[in-house]
Amino acid sequence: MESERALERMSRPELVHLEALLGPDATLCRRALTGETGVALPPFTDHHVHLHLIDERALATHGIAGVVDLGGDPDSLARRSATGLPRVSFAGAFLAAPGGYPVGRSWAPATITREVRSASRAPGDHAGAATAVDEQAECGASVIKVALNADAGPVFDAEVLGAIVAAAAARGLPVVAHAQGAGMVEASLDAGVAALAHTPFTTELPDAVIERAARSQAWISTLAIHRGRAHDAAVDNLRRFAAAGGRVLYGTDLGNGDLPVGVNADELAGLHSAGVRGAALVAALTDPWPGADPGVDAGAVGTFVAGDPPSAVDDLARWLAGATVVTAEELVHDDG
């Protein structure tokens, strides 16, 4: 059956082009009620948002079915309904060194930060690494976030950072880091941090560091929040990371400045300029991180992009920015 299906697809050039451009999960379709034609894709996720800083109601209308909140009030996030859109995975509070970023920032109320003062793994040590991790895990966190911003205050030493990573691993949770400033990417790698919340942007990293990161980390893009030299450095780092086989995740840091609520065409264009193009760009949008399974039930909802797919990969970013979330039952597929 599969071989017959493959032959049928090969006999239709538009389907061959579709798969080459968007990957094997893309199908031509129409909306059952309106008859509008377009392309169906798996649900899109923004892997870096701050829900307390945005109006999330527009996310689904503009193509985002799932989000990963990387810094919010764990108690509030724990009370969210498991149904409805967007589907939410979260880190809970930032774990920060005493007085470190983002403690005291106007956008970061005390409920979204936890200052970790020791490497203690004792459950009763309220300033210890294990207690901070346990709190986020008990609230339902899917990932633990640490702040390693040496440009904005104190950061964890290797002992405390290692204790946080170990406590998270004991809970089956990966750790994601905001790594900014000299030596912070290297520190994250030494500690076994699984992902970076931002593509490194303060300097162009040595190839050896990039290659090491590509073997063990995922990087969330967040290119569109930068301008000038920071943007150029981030694009260059991501280009080499992706070329080395690194796992790239679409994410915008939504809530940081004036960013569109929904699929961000500028973020997609930045990824494209970093060599994350075509099917790789769709993969960055649909990656299930931080879980092994999609955070959004792909059987219940999907992505619809109206109109014919572009003929050239260079036009893909703007076309994808027209995506919307639809129920799966609304789409009639024509996949050959």
Protein backbone atom coordinates (compact mmCIF):
# COMPACT_ATOMS: atom_id res chain seq x y z
CA MET A 1 0.00 0.00 0.00
CA GLU A 2 2.76 2.45 0.92
CA SER A 3 4.65 1.70 -2.30
CA GLU A 4 1.50 2.32 -4.34
CA ARG A 5 0.94 5.56 -2.45
CA ALA A 6 4.51 6.67 -3.13
CA LEU A 7 4.17 5.91 -6.84
CA GLU A 8 0.93 7.86 -7.00
CA ARG A 9 2.57 10.85 -5.34
CA MET A 10 5.49 10.68 -7.76
CA SER A 11 3.04 10.84 -10.65
CA ARG A 12 1.77 14.18 -9.38
CA PRO A 13 4.48 16.87 -9.57
CA GLU A 14 2.63 19.19 -7.18
CA LEU A 15 2.84 16.58 -4.40
CA VAL A 16 6.52 15.92 -5.04
CA HIS A 17 7.16 19.67 -4.79
CA LEU A 18 5.05 19.91 -1.64
CA GLU A 19 7.03 17.22 0.16
CA ALA A 20 10.37 18.65 -0.94
CA LEU A 21 9.37 22.12 0.20
CA LEU A 22 7.54 21.37 3.45
CA GLY A 23 8.39 17.82 4.47
CA PRO A 24 6.47 14.52 4.45
CA ASP A 25 3.63 15.65 6.75
CA ALA A 26 2.37 18.39 4.41
CA THR A 27 -0.82 17.65 2.47
CA LEU A 28 -2.97 19.59 0.06
CA CYS A 29 -6.41 20.14 1.52
CA ARG A 30 -9.58 22.19 1.60
CA ARG A 31 -11.72 23.45 4.44
CA ALA A 32 -14.93 21.46 4.56
CA LEU A 33 -17.26 24.36 5.33
CA THR A 34 -15.82 27.12 3.14
CA GLY A 35 -14.16 25.14 0.35
CA GLU A 36 -11.01 27.24 0.76
CA THR A 37 -7.96 25.34 -0.49
CA GLY A 38 -4.48 25.29 0.96
CA VAL A 39 -1.99 23.12 2.80
CA ALA A 40 -2.31 21.21 6.07
CA LEU A 41 0.66 20.83 8.42
CA PRO A 42 1.12 19.54 11.96
CA PRO A 43 0.47 22.01 14.82
CA PHE A 44 2.99 24.84 15.27
CA THR A 45 4.63 25.62 18.62
CA ASP A 46 6.39 28.75 19.81
CA HIS A 47 9.07 27.28 22.09
CA HIS A 48 9.77 30.50 24.02
CA VAL A 49 6.97 32.72 25.32
CA HIS A 50 6.01 34.52 28.53
CA LEU A 51 2.25 34.24 28.83
CA HIS A 52 1.94 36.79 31.64
CA LEU A 53 3.21 39.48 29.25
CA ILE A 54 0.92 38.85 26.26
CA ASP A 55 -2.69 38.50 25.21
CA GLU A 56 -2.69 34.84 24.21
CA ARG A 57 -6.15 34.87 22.63
CA ALA A 58 -4.78 35.71 19.17
CA LEU A 59 -2.24 32.89 19.08
CA ALA A 60 -4.42 30.21 17.49
CA THR A 61 -5.94 32.60 14.96
CA HIS A 62 -2.43 33.42 13.81
CA GLY A 63 -1.09 29.91 13.60
CA ILE A 64 0.29 28.94 17.03
CA ALA A 65 -1.37 25.93 18.65
CA GLY A 66 1.17 25.28 21.40
CA VAL A 67 3.61 27.29 23.48
CA VAL A 68 6.42 26.67 25.94
CA ASP A 69 6.33 29.28 28.71
CA LEU A 70 9.95 29.84 29.77
CA GLY A 71 9.45 31.96 32.86
CA GLY A 72 6.17 32.42 34.70
CA ASP A 73 4.38 31.93 37.99
CA PRO A 74 4.37 28.14 38.56
CA ASP A 75 1.23 28.24 40.70
CA SER A 76 -0.71 30.17 38.08
CA LEU A 77 0.53 27.93 35.28
CA ALA A 78 -0.40 24.82 37.28
CA ARG A 79 -4.02 26.03 37.48
CA ARG A 80 -4.45 26.32 33.72
CA SER A 81 -6.91 24.02 32.00
CA ALA A 82 -5.34 21.18 30.08
CA THR A 83 -7.79 21.76 27.24
CA GLY A 84 -8.24 24.68 24.91
CA LEU A 85 -5.68 26.64 22.93
CA PRO A 86 -2.87 27.27 23.17
CA ARG A 87 -1.69 24.02 24.69
CA VAL A 88 0.95 25.00 27.24
CA SER A 89 4.15 23.37 28.43
CA PHE A 90 6.11 25.40 30.95
CA ALA A 91 9.24 25.80 33.01
CA GLY A 92 7.69 27.64 35.91
CA ALA A 93 9.93 30.18 37.63
CA PHE A 94 13.40 31.22 36.53
CA LEU A 95 16.02 29.67 38.79
CA ALA A 96 18.61 32.39 39.41
CA ALA A 97 21.66 33.05 41.54
CA PRO A 98 21.01 35.44 44.45
CA GLY A 99 20.55 38.89 42.95
CA GLY A 100 21.02 37.51 39.43
CA TYR A 101 19.00 38.10 36.30
CA PRO A 102 16.01 38.52 36.12
CA VAL A 103 15.48 39.19 39.85
CA GLY A 104 14.10 42.69 40.37
CA ARG A 105 13.28 43.42 36.73
CA SER A 106 10.05 45.34 36.17
CA TRP A 107 8.66 42.61 33.93
CA ALA A 108 9.62 39.81 36.33
CA PRO A 109 7.46 39.82 39.47
CA ALA A 110 8.76 37.88 42.45
CA THR A 111 6.40 35.01 41.65
CA ILE A 112 8.40 34.10 38.51
CA THR A 113 11.88 33.95 40.05
CA ARG A 114 13.50 31.65 42.60
CA GLU A 115 16.92 32.48 44.01
CA VAL A 116 18.93 29.29 44.55
CA ARG A 117 21.63 29.81 47.16
CA SER A 118 23.20 26.37 47.52
CA ALA A 119 23.79 23.03 45.84
CA SER A 120 21.82 21.31 48.60
CA ARG A 121 19.67 18.37 47.59
CA ALA A 122 17.95 18.20 50.97
CA PRO A 123 14.16 18.50 50.55
CA GLY A 124 13.87 20.82 53.55
CA ASP A 125 16.46 23.32 52.34
CA HIS A 126 14.32 26.09 50.89
CA ALA A 127 17.33 27.83 49.35
CA GLY A 128 18.73 24.64 47.81
CA ALA A 129 18.80 23.37 44.26
CA ALA A 130 16.57 20.33 44.82
CA THR A 131 13.78 22.30 46.49
CA ALA A 132 13.64 24.83 43.65
CA VAL A 133 13.47 22.08 41.05
CA ASP A 134 10.92 20.09 43.04
CA GLU A 135 8.60 23.10 43.31
CA GLN A 136 8.47 23.55 39.53
CA ALA A 137 8.09 19.80 38.95
CA GLU A 138 5.22 19.50 41.44
CA CYS A 139 3.41 22.30 39.59
CA GLY A 140 3.66 20.32 36.35
CA ALA A 141 6.74 21.79 34.68
CA SER A 142 8.04 20.01 31.60
CA VAL A 143 11.44 21.71 31.70
CA ILE A 144 13.53 23.65 34.24
CA LYS A 145 14.86 27.10 33.34
CA VAL A 146 18.10 28.55 34.70
CA ALA A 147 19.42 32.07 34.23
CA LEU A 148 23.09 32.28 33.22
CA ASN A 149 23.29 35.97 32.31
CA ALA A 150 26.79 37.10 33.26
CA ASP A 151 26.14 40.46 31.57
CA ALA A 152 23.44 41.34 34.13
CA GLY A 153 24.56 40.13 37.54
CA PRO A 154 25.69 37.05 39.48
CA VAL A 155 25.38 33.57 37.97
CA PHE A 156 25.56 30.07 39.41
CA ASP A 157 28.92 28.49 40.04
CA ALA A 158 29.57 25.04 38.56
CA GLU A 159 28.57 23.23 41.76
CA VAL A 160 25.12 24.81 42.09
CA LEU A 161 24.39 24.61 38.36
CA GLY A 162 25.39 20.95 38.35
CA ALA A 163 23.14 20.28 41.32
CA ILE A 164 20.17 21.86 39.54
CA VAL A 165 20.78 19.77 36.42
CA ALA A 166 21.09 16.62 38.55
CA ALA A 167 17.90 17.39 40.48
CA ALA A 168 16.05 18.00 37.22
CA ALA A 169 17.38 14.74 35.75
CA ALA A 170 16.11 12.90 38.82
CA ARG A 171 12.66 14.26 37.93
CA GLY A 172 13.06 13.30 34.28
CA LEU A 173 13.20 16.95 33.21
CA PRO A 174 15.61 18.69 30.83
CA VAL A 175 17.16 22.05 31.72
CA VAL A 176 17.06 25.11 29.45
CA ALA A 177 19.34 28.08 30.05
CA HIS A 178 19.33 31.76 29.25
CA ALA A 179 23.07 31.84 28.46
CA GLN A 180 24.45 35.34 27.94
CA GLY A 181 27.93 36.70 28.44
CA ALA A 182 31.46 35.36 28.27
CA GLY A 183 31.77 31.64 29.03
CA MET A 184 28.09 31.01 29.66
CA VAL A 185 27.48 28.70 26.70
CA GLU A 186 30.52 26.69 27.74
CA ALA A 187 29.26 26.57 31.34
CA SER A 188 25.90 25.27 30.13
CA LEU A 189 27.61 22.53 28.14
CA ASP A 190 29.86 21.53 31.04
CA ALA A 191 26.80 21.16 33.29
CA GLY A 192 24.76 19.11 30.82
CA VAL A 193 22.14 21.77 30.05
CA ALA A 194 19.90 20.34 27.31
CA ALA A 195 18.78 23.52 25.56
CA LEU A 196 19.43 27.23 25.21
CA ALA A 197 16.48 29.61 25.44
CA HIS A 198 18.17 31.95 22.93
CA THR A 199 20.60 31.41 20.11
CA PRO A 200 23.84 32.89 21.55
CA PHE A 201 24.04 36.50 20.42
CA THR A 202 26.71 38.35 22.40
CA THR A 203 29.60 37.04 20.31
CA GLU A 204 30.35 34.68 17.45
CA LEU A 205 31.24 31.40 19.13
CA PRO A 206 34.28 29.32 18.17
CA ASP A 207 33.55 26.43 15.83
CA ALA A 208 34.60 23.92 18.49
CA VAL A 209 31.96 25.24 20.90
CA ILE A 210 29.31 25.24 18.16
CA GLU A 211 30.13 21.64 17.24
CA ARG A 212 30.03 20.56 20.87
CA ALA A 213 26.66 22.23 21.35
CA ALA A 214 25.27 20.60 18.20
CA ARG A 215 26.00 17.17 19.67
CA SER A 216 24.13 17.72 22.93
CA GLN A 217 21.82 20.75 22.89
CA ALA A 218 18.76 22.18 21.21
CA TRP A 219 18.76 25.93 20.51
CA ILE A 220 15.64 28.09 20.45
CA SER A 221 15.98 30.70 17.73
CA THR A 222 14.68 34.08 19.08
CA LEU A 223 16.50 35.91 16.28
CA ALA A 224 13.93 38.65 15.67
CA ILE A 225 14.37 40.27 19.10
CA HIS A 226 17.86 41.43 18.07
CA ARG A 227 19.17 44.21 15.87
CA GLY A 228 22.58 45.08 14.46
CA ARG A 229 25.62 43.17 15.66
CA ALA A 230 23.65 40.98 18.07
CA HIS A 231 21.37 39.84 15.25
CA ASP A 232 24.29 39.15 12.94
CA ALA A 233 26.11 37.16 15.63
CA ALA A 234 23.01 35.10 16.41
CA VAL A 235 22.35 34.31 12.74
CA ASP A 236 25.97 33.29 12.21
CA ASN A 237 25.99 31.08 15.32
CA LEU A 238 22.71 29.43 14.35
CA ARG A 239 23.86 28.89 10.77
CA ARG A 240 26.92 26.96 11.96
CA PHE A 241 24.95 25.13 14.66
CA ALA A 242 22.34 23.94 12.14
CA ALA A 243 25.02 23.00 9.61
CA ALA A 244 26.68 20.89 12.30
CA GLY A 245 23.44 18.96 12.81
CA GLY A 246 22.12 20.84 15.84
CA ARG A 247 18.44 20.66 16.79
CA VAL A 248 16.81 24.04 16.04
CA LEU A 249 13.52 25.09 17.63
CA TYR A 250 11.32 27.96 16.52
CA GLY A 251 10.83 30.43 19.37
CA THR A 252 10.32 34.16 19.61
CA ASP A 253 10.62 35.22 23.29
CA LEU A 254 7.06 36.48 22.87
CA GLY A 255 6.40 39.12 25.49
CA ASN A 256 9.82 40.70 24.97
CA GLY A 257 9.01 43.96 23.21
CA ASP A 258 6.59 44.56 20.37
CA LEU A 259 6.34 41.16 18.71
CA PRO A 260 3.34 39.81 16.77
CA VAL A 261 1.16 37.34 18.66
CA GLY A 262 1.22 34.36 16.34
CA VAL A 263 3.60 33.09 13.70
CA ASN A 264 6.35 35.70 13.37
CA ALA A 265 7.40 36.23 9.75
CA ASP A 266 10.59 38.02 10.81
CA GLU A 267 11.60 35.06 12.99
CA LEU A 268 11.01 32.69 10.09
CA ALA A 269 13.01 34.95 7.78
CA GLY A 270 15.87 34.96 10.29
CA LEU A 271 15.83 31.17 10.44
CA HIS A 272 15.83 31.04 6.65
CA SER A 273 18.86 33.35 6.52
CA ALA A 274 20.60 31.01 8.98
CA GLY A 275 20.09 28.11 6.58
CA VAL A 276 17.08 26.58 8.37
CA ARG A 277 14.91 26.36 5.28
CA GLY A 278 12.06 24.43 3.74
CA ALA A 279 11.31 21.19 5.55
CA ALA A 280 13.87 22.07 8.26
CA LEU A 281 11.96 25.29 8.94
CA VAL A 282 8.70 23.36 9.30
CA ALA A 283 10.47 20.89 11.60
CA ALA A 284 11.59 23.77 13.87
CA LEU A 285 7.95 24.91 14.08
CA THR A 286 6.49 21.47 14.78
CA ASP A 287 9.16 19.97 17.07
CA PRO A 288 7.62 18.39 20.21
CA TRP A 289 10.33 19.71 22.58
CA PRO A 290 10.50 19.60 25.58
CA GLY A 291 8.56 16.34 25.44
CA ALA A 292 9.06 13.21 23.38
CA ASP A 293 5.46 13.51 22.18
CA PRO A 294 3.82 16.60 20.69
CA GLY A 295 2.57 19.08 23.26
CA VAL A 296 -0.46 19.57 21.03
CA ASP A 297 -2.72 16.69 20.06
CA ALA A 298 -1.98 16.46 16.37
CA GLY A 299 -5.09 14.33 15.96
CA ALA A 300 -7.33 17.10 17.25
CA VAL A 301 -5.93 20.25 15.64
CA GLY A 302 -3.60 21.14 12.82
CA THR A 303 -2.23 24.04 10.85
CA PHE A 304 -3.90 25.43 7.72
CA VAL A 305 -2.15 27.79 5.31
CA ALA A 306 -4.43 29.11 2.59
CA GLY A 307 -3.48 29.12 -1.06
CA ASP A 308 -0.91 27.32 -3.11
CA PRO A 309 2.50 26.78 -1.52
CA PRO A 310 5.20 29.02 -2.97
CA SER A 311 7.21 27.75 -5.89
CA ALA A 312 10.50 28.84 -4.30
CA VAL A 313 11.85 28.15 -0.81
CA ASP A 314 12.85 31.82 -0.48
CA ASP A 315 9.16 32.76 -0.35
CA LEU A 316 8.25 30.23 2.32
CA ALA A 317 8.64 32.38 5.46
CA ARG A 318 6.03 34.96 4.45
CA TRP A 319 3.63 32.28 3.25
CA LEU A 320 3.86 30.31 6.51
CA ALA A 321 3.13 33.50 8.45
CA GLY A 322 -0.42 33.26 7.13
CA ALA A 323 -1.09 30.06 9.07
CA THR A 324 -4.07 29.49 11.32
CA VAL A 325 -5.05 26.67 13.69
CA VAL A 326 -8.01 24.52 12.68
CA THR A 327 -9.66 21.37 13.98
CA ALA A 328 -8.52 18.26 12.17
CA GLU A 329 -12.08 17.34 11.23
CA GLU A 330 -12.44 20.65 9.36
CA LEU A 331 -9.90 19.63 6.70
CA VAL A 332 -10.42 17.35 3.73
CA HIS A 333 -7.01 16.08 2.62
CA ASP A 334 -5.71 15.39 -0.88
CA ASP A 335 -2.37 13.70 -0.33
CA GLY A 336 -2.41 11.32 -3.23
